[in-house]
Amino acid sequence: TVGGVPGEWIQADGASSDAAVLYLHGGGYVAGSVDSHRNLLGHLAQAMGCRVFAADYRLAPEHPFPAAVDDAVAAYRAMVADGLDPSRIAVAGDSAGGGLTVAMLLALRDEGDPLPAAAMPISAWIDLDGTGESMVTRADADPMVTPGSLSIIGGLYLGEAASTNPLASPINGEMNGLPPMLIQVGDAEVLLDDSVRMAERVNDAGGSARLEVWPEMVHVWHASAGFVPEADEAIAQLAEFVSTHW
């Protein structure tokens, strides 16, 4: 456990001990775990050359919003308290974990915590109201996610909370003062516009967000690392990005 949050430390041989990635898995806030993401996490740890803490944050509906945000914040604060310099920490997450990555940054910023060196939202779910145009334009192209399923699991996660809360739907938050981001998303995703709009908002607020839209890629194609060349290439890009900010 890190900060009271269960999870798993993952590292490859020769990993640096003075740097780490906090990883927040996807699964719509209702599913997913270290086990479901082990292949992605192993390849990511190897490419990054550092330790990765994969947090098994609490899931809805038993633990609705803001339990996941609270756990992400607690894990990050504990990593800092345990001696890791924030300038040597990066945070990443996919799908709901990508949205949770941004929500955690907003919470830390608003509470005056030192922020990590970089963030990497992957196929991020940023807008629980589903207002992006790609929810319609990519509906027939996306084999992984449907607007209807997002609406159902979004309701389970929110519980009694408002979908407009920036810590639930970070697209509604102020994007100033956030660390540099590399945002990766597939062109065949209904969530494409979540990433596009977030990158625009971060850059408009004076931050730095590099958006990569990968042609023909589906939701969190990184999970196929070791089998699909584009997954390996995307993870290599993440590692290169982090190396420039540590």
C-alpha atoms as a PDB file:
ATOM      1  CA  THR A   1       0.000   0.000   0.000  1.00  0.00           C
ATOM      2  CA  VAL A   2       1.083   3.558  -0.720  1.00  0.00           C
ATOM      3  CA  GLY A   3      -0.772   6.213   1.222  1.00  0.00           C
ATOM      4  CA  GLY A   4      -3.277   3.572   2.259  1.00  0.00           C
ATOM      5  CA  VAL A   5      -3.964   2.690  -1.384  1.00  0.00           C
ATOM      6  CA  PRO A   6      -3.298  -0.912  -2.423  1.00  0.00           C
ATOM      7  CA  GLY A   7      -1.428  -1.577  -5.625  1.00  0.00           C
ATOM      8  CA  GLU A   8       1.754  -3.001  -7.011  1.00  0.00           C
ATOM      9  CA  TRP A   9       5.247  -1.730  -7.686  1.00  0.00           C
ATOM     10  CA  ILE A  10       6.477  -2.858 -11.093  1.00  0.00           C
ATOM     11  CA  GLN A  11      10.004  -2.445 -12.360  1.00  0.00           C
ATOM     12  CA  ALA A  12      12.449  -3.908 -14.838  1.00  0.00           C
ATOM     13  CA  ASP A  13      16.036  -4.879 -14.129  1.00  0.00           C
ATOM     14  CA  GLY A  14      18.257  -1.841 -13.672  1.00  0.00           C
ATOM     15  CA  ALA A  15      15.357   0.507 -12.950  1.00  0.00           C
ATOM     16  CA  SER A  16      16.187   3.893 -11.480  1.00  0.00           C
ATOM     17  CA  SER A  17      15.332   4.170  -7.784  1.00  0.00           C
ATOM     18  CA  ASP A  18      14.982   7.961  -7.688  1.00  0.00           C
ATOM     19  CA  ALA A  19      12.160   8.280 -10.229  1.00  0.00           C
ATOM     20  CA  ALA A  20       8.711   6.743 -10.482  1.00  0.00           C
ATOM     21  CA  VAL A  21       5.455   6.759 -12.400  1.00  0.00           C
ATOM     22  CA  LEU A  22       2.072   6.681 -10.685  1.00  0.00           C
ATOM     23  CA  TYR A  23      -0.265   4.750 -12.987  1.00  0.00           C
ATOM     24  CA  LEU A  24      -4.069   4.920 -12.775  1.00  0.00           C
ATOM     25  CA  HIS A  25      -5.762   2.108 -14.668  1.00  0.00           C
ATOM     26  CA  GLY A  26      -8.862   2.357 -16.807  1.00  0.00           C
ATOM     27  CA  GLY A  27     -12.120   0.485 -16.504  1.00  0.00           C
ATOM     28  CA  GLY A  28     -14.785   3.157 -16.329  1.00  0.00           C
ATOM     29  CA  TYR A  29     -14.258   3.663 -12.571  1.00  0.00           C
ATOM     30  CA  VAL A  30     -16.167   0.408 -12.036  1.00  0.00           C
ATOM     31  CA  ALA A  31     -13.659  -2.220 -13.216  1.00  0.00           C
ATOM     32  CA  GLY A  32      -9.985  -2.793 -13.987  1.00  0.00           C
ATOM     33  CA  SER A  33      -7.002  -3.535 -11.770  1.00  0.00           C
ATOM     34  CA  VAL A  34      -3.298  -4.162 -11.789  1.00  0.00           C
ATOM     35  CA  ASP A  35      -4.066  -7.639 -13.136  1.00  0.00           C
ATOM     36  CA  SER A  36      -6.074  -6.388 -16.108  1.00  0.00           C
ATOM     37  CA  HIS A  37      -3.285  -3.968 -17.050  1.00  0.00           C
ATOM     38  CA  ARG A  38      -0.229  -6.078 -16.245  1.00  0.00           C
ATOM     39  CA  ASN A  39       0.995  -6.375 -19.841  1.00  0.00           C
ATOM     40  CA  LEU A  40       0.735  -2.626 -20.442  1.00  0.00           C
ATOM     41  CA  LEU A  41       2.340  -1.856 -17.077  1.00  0.00           C
ATOM     42  CA  GLY A  42       5.257  -4.204 -17.623  1.00  0.00           C
ATOM     43  CA  HIS A  43       6.084  -2.744 -21.018  1.00  0.00           C
ATOM     44  CA  LEU A  44       5.691   0.782 -19.639  1.00  0.00           C
ATOM     45  CA  ALA A  45       8.037   0.095 -16.714  1.00  0.00           C
ATOM     46  CA  GLN A  46      10.626  -1.384 -19.043  1.00  0.00           C
ATOM     47  CA  ALA A  47      10.448   1.560 -21.434  1.00  0.00           C
ATOM     48  CA  MET A  48      10.523   4.160 -18.658  1.00  0.00           C
ATOM     49  CA  GLY A  49      13.486   2.619 -16.862  1.00  0.00           C
ATOM     50  CA  CYS A  50      11.980   3.370 -13.470  1.00  0.00           C
ATOM     51  CA  ARG A  51       9.532   2.000 -10.930  1.00  0.00           C
ATOM     52  CA  VAL A  52       5.813   2.179 -11.683  1.00  0.00           C
ATOM     53  CA  PHE A  53       3.249   2.161  -8.880  1.00  0.00           C
ATOM     54  CA  ALA A  54      -0.050   0.871 -10.256  1.00  0.00           C
ATOM     55  CA  ALA A  55      -2.747   1.989  -7.841  1.00  0.00           C
ATOM     56  CA  ASP A  56      -5.793  -0.200  -7.228  1.00  0.00           C
ATOM     57  CA  TYR A  57      -7.973   2.740  -6.274  1.00  0.00           C
ATOM     58  CA  ARG A  58     -11.493   2.166  -4.971  1.00  0.00           C
ATOM     59  CA  LEU A  59     -14.173   1.438  -7.561  1.00  0.00           C
ATOM     60  CA  ALA A  60     -17.837   2.356  -7.976  1.00  0.00           C
ATOM     61  CA  PRO A  61     -20.633   1.671  -7.346  1.00  0.00           C
ATOM     62  CA  GLU A  62     -19.497   0.592  -3.873  1.00  0.00           C
ATOM     63  CA  HIS A  63     -17.163   3.598  -3.725  1.00  0.00           C
ATOM     64  CA  PRO A  64     -18.537   6.406  -5.921  1.00  0.00           C
ATOM     65  CA  PHE A  65     -16.952   9.770  -6.669  1.00  0.00           C
ATOM     66  CA  PRO A  66     -14.774  11.203  -5.180  1.00  0.00           C
ATOM     67  CA  ALA A  67     -13.226   8.003  -3.755  1.00  0.00           C
ATOM     68  CA  ALA A  68     -11.011   7.419  -6.819  1.00  0.00           C
ATOM     69  CA  VAL A  69      -9.746  11.005  -6.767  1.00  0.00           C
ATOM     70  CA  ASP A  70      -9.043  10.817  -3.041  1.00  0.00           C
ATOM     71  CA  ASP A  71      -7.051   7.606  -3.512  1.00  0.00           C
ATOM     72  CA  ALA A  72      -5.006   9.007  -6.410  1.00  0.00           C
ATOM     73  CA  VAL A  73      -4.143  12.109  -4.394  1.00  0.00           C
ATOM     74  CA  ALA A  74      -3.247  10.007  -1.337  1.00  0.00           C
ATOM     75  CA  ALA A  75      -0.947   7.740  -3.344  1.00  0.00           C
ATOM     76  CA  TYR A  76       0.870  10.679  -4.928  1.00  0.00           C
ATOM     77  CA  ARG A  77       1.316  12.481  -1.623  1.00  0.00           C
ATOM     78  CA  ALA A  78       2.707   9.324  -0.053  1.00  0.00           C
ATOM     79  CA  MET A  79       5.230   8.907  -2.880  1.00  0.00           C
ATOM     80  CA  VAL A  80       6.445  12.436  -2.171  1.00  0.00           C
ATOM     81  CA  ALA A  81       6.456  11.864   1.594  1.00  0.00           C
ATOM     82  CA  ASP A  82       8.499   8.700   1.082  1.00  0.00           C
ATOM     83  CA  GLY A  83      11.284  10.767  -0.449  1.00  0.00           C
ATOM     84  CA  LEU A  84      10.571  11.000  -4.178  1.00  0.00           C
ATOM     85  CA  ASP A  85      11.103  14.489  -5.551  1.00  0.00           C
ATOM     86  CA  PRO A  86       7.996  15.656  -7.464  1.00  0.00           C
ATOM     87  CA  SER A  87      10.320  16.618 -10.318  1.00  0.00           C
ATOM     88  CA  ARG A  88      11.102  12.893 -10.636  1.00  0.00           C
ATOM     89  CA  ILE A  89       7.496  11.695 -10.592  1.00  0.00           C
ATOM     90  CA  ALA A  90       5.204  11.360 -13.593  1.00  0.00           C
ATOM     91  CA  VAL A  91       1.569  10.315 -13.613  1.00  0.00           C
ATOM     92  CA  ALA A  92      -0.195   8.362 -16.341  1.00  0.00           C
ATOM     93  CA  GLY A  93      -3.510   6.652 -16.838  1.00  0.00           C
ATOM     94  CA  ASP A  94      -5.795   5.258 -19.488  1.00  0.00           C
ATOM     95  CA  SER A  95      -9.499   5.785 -20.168  1.00  0.00           C
ATOM     96  CA  ALA A  96     -11.127   6.565 -16.800  1.00  0.00           C
ATOM     97  CA  GLY A  97      -7.611   6.517 -15.383  1.00  0.00           C
ATOM     98  CA  GLY A  98      -6.691   9.211 -17.886  1.00  0.00           C
ATOM     99  CA  GLY A  99      -9.513  11.375 -16.616  1.00  0.00           C
ATOM    100  CA  LEU A 100      -8.482  10.541 -13.065  1.00  0.00           C
ATOM    101  CA  THR A 101      -4.939  11.644 -13.906  1.00  0.00           C
ATOM    102  CA  VAL A 102      -6.177  15.117 -14.806  1.00  0.00           C
ATOM    103  CA  ALA A 103      -8.630  15.260 -11.891  1.00  0.00           C
ATOM    104  CA  MET A 104      -5.810  14.424  -9.483  1.00  0.00           C
ATOM    105  CA  LEU A 105      -3.675  17.226 -10.926  1.00  0.00           C
ATOM    106  CA  LEU A 106      -6.517  19.717 -10.502  1.00  0.00           C
ATOM    107  CA  ALA A 107      -7.028  18.643  -6.890  1.00  0.00           C
ATOM    108  CA  LEU A 108      -3.315  18.836  -6.070  1.00  0.00           C
ATOM    109  CA  ARG A 109      -2.957  22.243  -7.709  1.00  0.00           C
ATOM    110  CA  ASP A 110      -5.967  23.673  -5.912  1.00  0.00           C
ATOM    111  CA  GLU A 111      -4.679  22.401  -2.564  1.00  0.00           C
ATOM    112  CA  GLY A 112      -1.190  23.813  -3.083  1.00  0.00           C
ATOM    113  CA  ASP A 113       0.729  20.556  -3.464  1.00  0.00           C
ATOM    114  CA  PRO A 114       3.890  20.393  -5.590  1.00  0.00           C
ATOM    115  CA  LEU A 115       2.939  18.881  -8.934  1.00  0.00           C
ATOM    116  CA  PRO A 116       4.632  16.011 -10.767  1.00  0.00           C
ATOM    117  CA  ALA A 117       7.032  16.650 -13.624  1.00  0.00           C
ATOM    118  CA  ALA A 118       4.750  15.370 -16.370  1.00  0.00           C
ATOM    119  CA  ALA A 119       1.407  13.728 -17.092  1.00  0.00           C
ATOM    120  CA  MET A 120       0.340  11.261 -19.774  1.00  0.00           C
ATOM    121  CA  PRO A 121      -3.406  10.770 -20.272  1.00  0.00           C
ATOM    122  CA  ILE A 122      -4.130   7.879 -22.667  1.00  0.00           C
ATOM    123  CA  SER A 123      -7.516   7.599 -24.421  1.00  0.00           C
ATOM    124  CA  ALA A 124      -8.781   9.698 -21.534  1.00  0.00           C
ATOM    125  CA  TRP A 125     -12.404   9.981 -20.430  1.00  0.00           C
ATOM    126  CA  ILE A 126     -12.548  13.671 -19.579  1.00  0.00           C
ATOM    127  CA  ASP A 127     -16.213  14.566 -20.134  1.00  0.00           C
ATOM    128  CA  LEU A 128     -18.787  12.405 -18.333  1.00  0.00           C
ATOM    129  CA  ASP A 129     -21.590  14.268 -20.118  1.00  0.00           C
ATOM    130  CA  GLY A 130     -20.323  12.979 -23.473  1.00  0.00           C
ATOM    131  CA  THR A 131     -20.630  16.260 -25.365  1.00  0.00           C
ATOM    132  CA  GLY A 132     -17.736  15.704 -27.791  1.00  0.00           C
ATOM    133  CA  GLU A 133     -18.585  15.449 -31.505  1.00  0.00           C
ATOM    134  CA  SER A 134     -16.672  12.173 -31.781  1.00  0.00           C
ATOM    135  CA  MET A 135     -19.328  10.529 -29.604  1.00  0.00           C
ATOM    136  CA  VAL A 136     -21.385  10.662 -32.792  1.00  0.00           C
ATOM    137  CA  THR A 137     -18.820  10.779 -35.596  1.00  0.00           C
ATOM    138  CA  ARG A 138     -16.794   7.803 -34.281  1.00  0.00           C
ATOM    139  CA  ALA A 139     -19.689   5.749 -32.911  1.00  0.00           C
ATOM    140  CA  ASP A 140     -19.589   3.307 -35.828  1.00  0.00           C
ATOM    141  CA  ALA A 141     -15.795   3.138 -35.905  1.00  0.00           C
ATOM    142  CA  ASP A 142     -15.137   2.416 -32.230  1.00  0.00           C
ATOM    143  CA  PRO A 143     -15.209  -1.349 -31.493  1.00  0.00           C
ATOM    144  CA  MET A 144     -14.453  -0.882 -27.800  1.00  0.00           C
ATOM    145  CA  VAL A 145     -16.624   1.849 -26.283  1.00  0.00           C
ATOM    146  CA  THR A 146     -20.178   3.060 -26.879  1.00  0.00           C
ATOM    147  CA  PRO A 147     -21.817   6.306 -25.732  1.00  0.00           C
ATOM    148  CA  GLY A 148     -24.560   4.254 -24.068  1.00  0.00           C
ATOM    149  CA  SER A 149     -22.150   2.223 -21.962  1.00  0.00           C
ATOM    150  CA  LEU A 150     -20.314   5.367 -20.903  1.00  0.00           C
ATOM    151  CA  SER A 151     -23.576   6.921 -19.757  1.00  0.00           C
ATOM    152  CA  ILE A 152     -24.425   3.891 -17.609  1.00  0.00           C
ATOM    153  CA  ILE A 153     -21.058   3.508 -15.902  1.00  0.00           C
ATOM    154  CA  GLY A 154     -20.736   7.273 -15.552  1.00  0.00           C
ATOM    155  CA  GLY A 155     -23.907   7.277 -13.517  1.00  0.00           C
ATOM    156  CA  LEU A 156     -22.586   4.494 -11.301  1.00  0.00           C
ATOM    157  CA  TYR A 157     -19.411   6.461 -10.658  1.00  0.00           C
ATOM    158  CA  LEU A 158     -21.104   9.805  -9.993  1.00  0.00           C
ATOM    159  CA  GLY A 159     -23.670   8.558  -7.504  1.00  0.00           C
ATOM    160  CA  GLU A 160     -25.226  11.759  -6.140  1.00  0.00           C
ATOM    161  CA  ALA A 161     -22.495  14.042  -7.524  1.00  0.00           C
ATOM    162  CA  ALA A 162     -22.970  16.428 -10.436  1.00  0.00           C
ATOM    163  CA  SER A 163     -21.391  15.437 -13.741  1.00  0.00           C
ATOM    164  CA  THR A 164     -20.208  19.029 -14.134  1.00  0.00           C
ATOM    165  CA  ASN A 165     -17.898  18.799 -11.107  1.00  0.00           C
ATOM    166  CA  PRO A 166     -14.377  19.399 -12.506  1.00  0.00           C
ATOM    167  CA  LEU A 167     -12.954  16.545 -10.436  1.00  0.00           C
ATOM    168  CA  ALA A 168     -15.451  14.194 -12.101  1.00  0.00           C
ATOM    169  CA  SER A 169     -15.376  15.760 -15.584  1.00  0.00           C
ATOM    170  CA  PRO A 170     -12.025  17.560 -15.791  1.00  0.00           C
ATOM    171  CA  ILE A 171     -13.026  19.190 -19.086  1.00  0.00           C
ATOM    172  CA  ASN A 172     -14.961  21.627 -16.874  1.00  0.00           C
ATOM    173  CA  GLY A 173     -11.903  22.579 -14.826  1.00  0.00           C
ATOM    174  CA  GLU A 174      -9.467  25.454 -15.122  1.00  0.00           C
ATOM    175  CA  MET A 175      -6.387  24.102 -16.876  1.00  0.00           C
ATOM    176  CA  ASN A 176      -3.833  26.677 -15.772  1.00  0.00           C
ATOM    177  CA  GLY A 177      -0.745  25.693 -13.826  1.00  0.00           C
ATOM    178  CA  LEU A 178      -0.646  22.029 -14.840  1.00  0.00           C
ATOM    179  CA  PRO A 179       2.540  20.111 -15.691  1.00  0.00           C
ATOM    180  CA  PRO A 180       3.483  19.318 -19.312  1.00  0.00           C
ATOM    181  CA  MET A 181       1.296  16.648 -20.873  1.00  0.00           C
ATOM    182  CA  LEU A 182       1.570  14.115 -23.653  1.00  0.00           C
ATOM    183  CA  ILE A 183      -1.968  13.152 -24.627  1.00  0.00           C
ATOM    184  CA  GLN A 184      -2.413  10.057 -26.802  1.00  0.00           C
ATOM    185  CA  VAL A 185      -5.690   8.979 -28.367  1.00  0.00           C
ATOM    186  CA  GLY A 186      -6.801   6.819 -31.280  1.00  0.00           C
ATOM    187  CA  ASP A 187      -8.598   8.273 -34.271  1.00  0.00           C
ATOM    188  CA  ALA A 188     -11.192   5.476 -34.048  1.00  0.00           C
ATOM    189  CA  GLU A 189     -12.373   6.412 -30.550  1.00  0.00           C
ATOM    190  CA  VAL A 190     -15.638   7.962 -29.435  1.00  0.00           C
ATOM    191  CA  LEU A 191     -13.501   9.668 -26.780  1.00  0.00           C
ATOM    192  CA  LEU A 192     -11.286  11.339 -29.393  1.00  0.00           C
ATOM    193  CA  ASP A 193     -12.707  14.816 -28.796  1.00  0.00           C
ATOM    194  CA  ASP A 194     -12.208  14.538 -25.042  1.00  0.00           C
ATOM    195  CA  SER A 195      -8.455  14.531 -25.682  1.00  0.00           C
ATOM    196  CA  VAL A 196      -8.611  17.129 -28.454  1.00  0.00           C
ATOM    197  CA  ARG A 197     -10.546  19.600 -26.318  1.00  0.00           C
ATOM    198  CA  MET A 198      -8.408  19.023 -23.259  1.00  0.00           C
ATOM    199  CA  ALA A 199      -5.207  19.697 -25.195  1.00  0.00           C
ATOM    200  CA  GLU A 200      -6.708  22.905 -26.558  1.00  0.00           C
ATOM    201  CA  ARG A 201      -7.760  24.038 -23.093  1.00  0.00           C
ATOM    202  CA  VAL A 202      -4.380  23.335 -21.514  1.00  0.00           C
ATOM    203  CA  ASN A 203      -2.538  25.193 -24.270  1.00  0.00           C
ATOM    204  CA  ASP A 204      -5.008  28.092 -24.219  1.00  0.00           C
ATOM    205  CA  ALA A 205      -4.362  28.400 -20.465  1.00  0.00           C
ATOM    206  CA  GLY A 206      -0.644  28.823 -21.081  1.00  0.00           C
ATOM    207  CA  GLY A 207       0.359  25.238 -20.410  1.00  0.00           C
ATOM    208  CA  SER A 208       2.008  22.645 -22.616  1.00  0.00           C
ATOM    209  CA  ALA A 209      -0.030  19.754 -23.988  1.00  0.00           C
ATOM    210  CA  ARG A 210       1.214  17.700 -26.928  1.00  0.00           C
ATOM    211  CA  LEU A 211      -1.635  15.866 -28.617  1.00  0.00           C
ATOM    212  CA  GLU A 212      -0.983  12.681 -30.593  1.00  0.00           C
ATOM    213  CA  VAL A 213      -3.935  11.311 -32.576  1.00  0.00           C
ATOM    214  CA  TRP A 214      -2.948   7.848 -33.798  1.00  0.00           C
ATOM    215  CA  PRO A 215      -4.560   6.847 -37.135  1.00  0.00           C
ATOM    216  CA  GLU A 216      -6.862   3.819 -37.025  1.00  0.00           C
ATOM    217  CA  MET A 217      -6.044   3.065 -33.381  1.00  0.00           C
ATOM    218  CA  VAL A 218      -8.735   1.949 -30.953  1.00  0.00           C
ATOM    219  CA  HIS A 219      -9.305   2.644 -27.274  1.00  0.00           C
ATOM    220  CA  VAL A 220      -6.120   2.064 -25.219  1.00  0.00           C
ATOM    221  CA  TRP A 221      -4.301   0.175 -27.966  1.00  0.00           C
ATOM    222  CA  HIS A 222      -1.282   0.306 -25.616  1.00  0.00           C
ATOM    223  CA  ALA A 223      -2.728  -2.791 -23.922  1.00  0.00           C
ATOM    224  CA  SER A 224      -1.523  -4.803 -26.930  1.00  0.00           C
ATOM    225  CA  ALA A 225       2.140  -3.989 -26.275  1.00  0.00           C
ATOM    226  CA  GLY A 226       4.355  -6.813 -27.456  1.00  0.00           C
ATOM    227  CA  PHE A 227       1.810  -7.826 -30.076  1.00  0.00           C
ATOM    228  CA  VAL A 228       0.911  -4.648 -31.986  1.00  0.00           C
ATOM    229  CA  PRO A 229       3.763  -2.434 -33.247  1.00  0.00           C
ATOM    230  CA  GLU A 230       1.779   0.764 -32.733  1.00  0.00           C
ATOM    231  CA  ALA A 231       1.348  -0.088 -29.054  1.00  0.00           C
ATOM    232  CA  ASP A 232       5.092  -0.465 -28.606  1.00  0.00           C
ATOM    233  CA  GLU A 233       5.701   2.766 -30.523  1.00  0.00           C
ATOM    234  CA  ALA A 234       3.191   4.695 -28.401  1.00  0.00           C
ATOM    235  CA  ILE A 235       4.780   3.489 -25.154  1.00  0.00           C
ATOM    236  CA  ALA A 236       8.222   4.418 -26.494  1.00  0.00           C
ATOM    237  CA  GLN A 237       6.909   7.923 -27.186  1.00  0.00           C
ATOM    238  CA  LEU A 238       5.659   8.161 -23.599  1.00  0.00           C
ATOM    239  CA  ALA A 239       9.066   7.147 -22.282  1.00  0.00           C
ATOM    240  CA  GLU A 240      10.853   9.650 -24.498  1.00  0.00           C
ATOM    241  CA  PHE A 241       8.482  12.397 -23.351  1.00  0.00           C
ATOM    242  CA  VAL A 242       9.094  11.674 -19.683  1.00  0.00           C
ATOM    243  CA  SER A 243      12.857  11.596 -20.164  1.00  0.00           C
ATOM    244  CA  THR A 244      12.788  15.187 -21.413  1.00  0.00           C
ATOM    245  CA  HIS A 245      11.013  16.404 -18.254  1.00  0.00           C
ATOM    246  CA  TRP A 246      12.986  14.553 -15.556  1.00  0.00           C
END
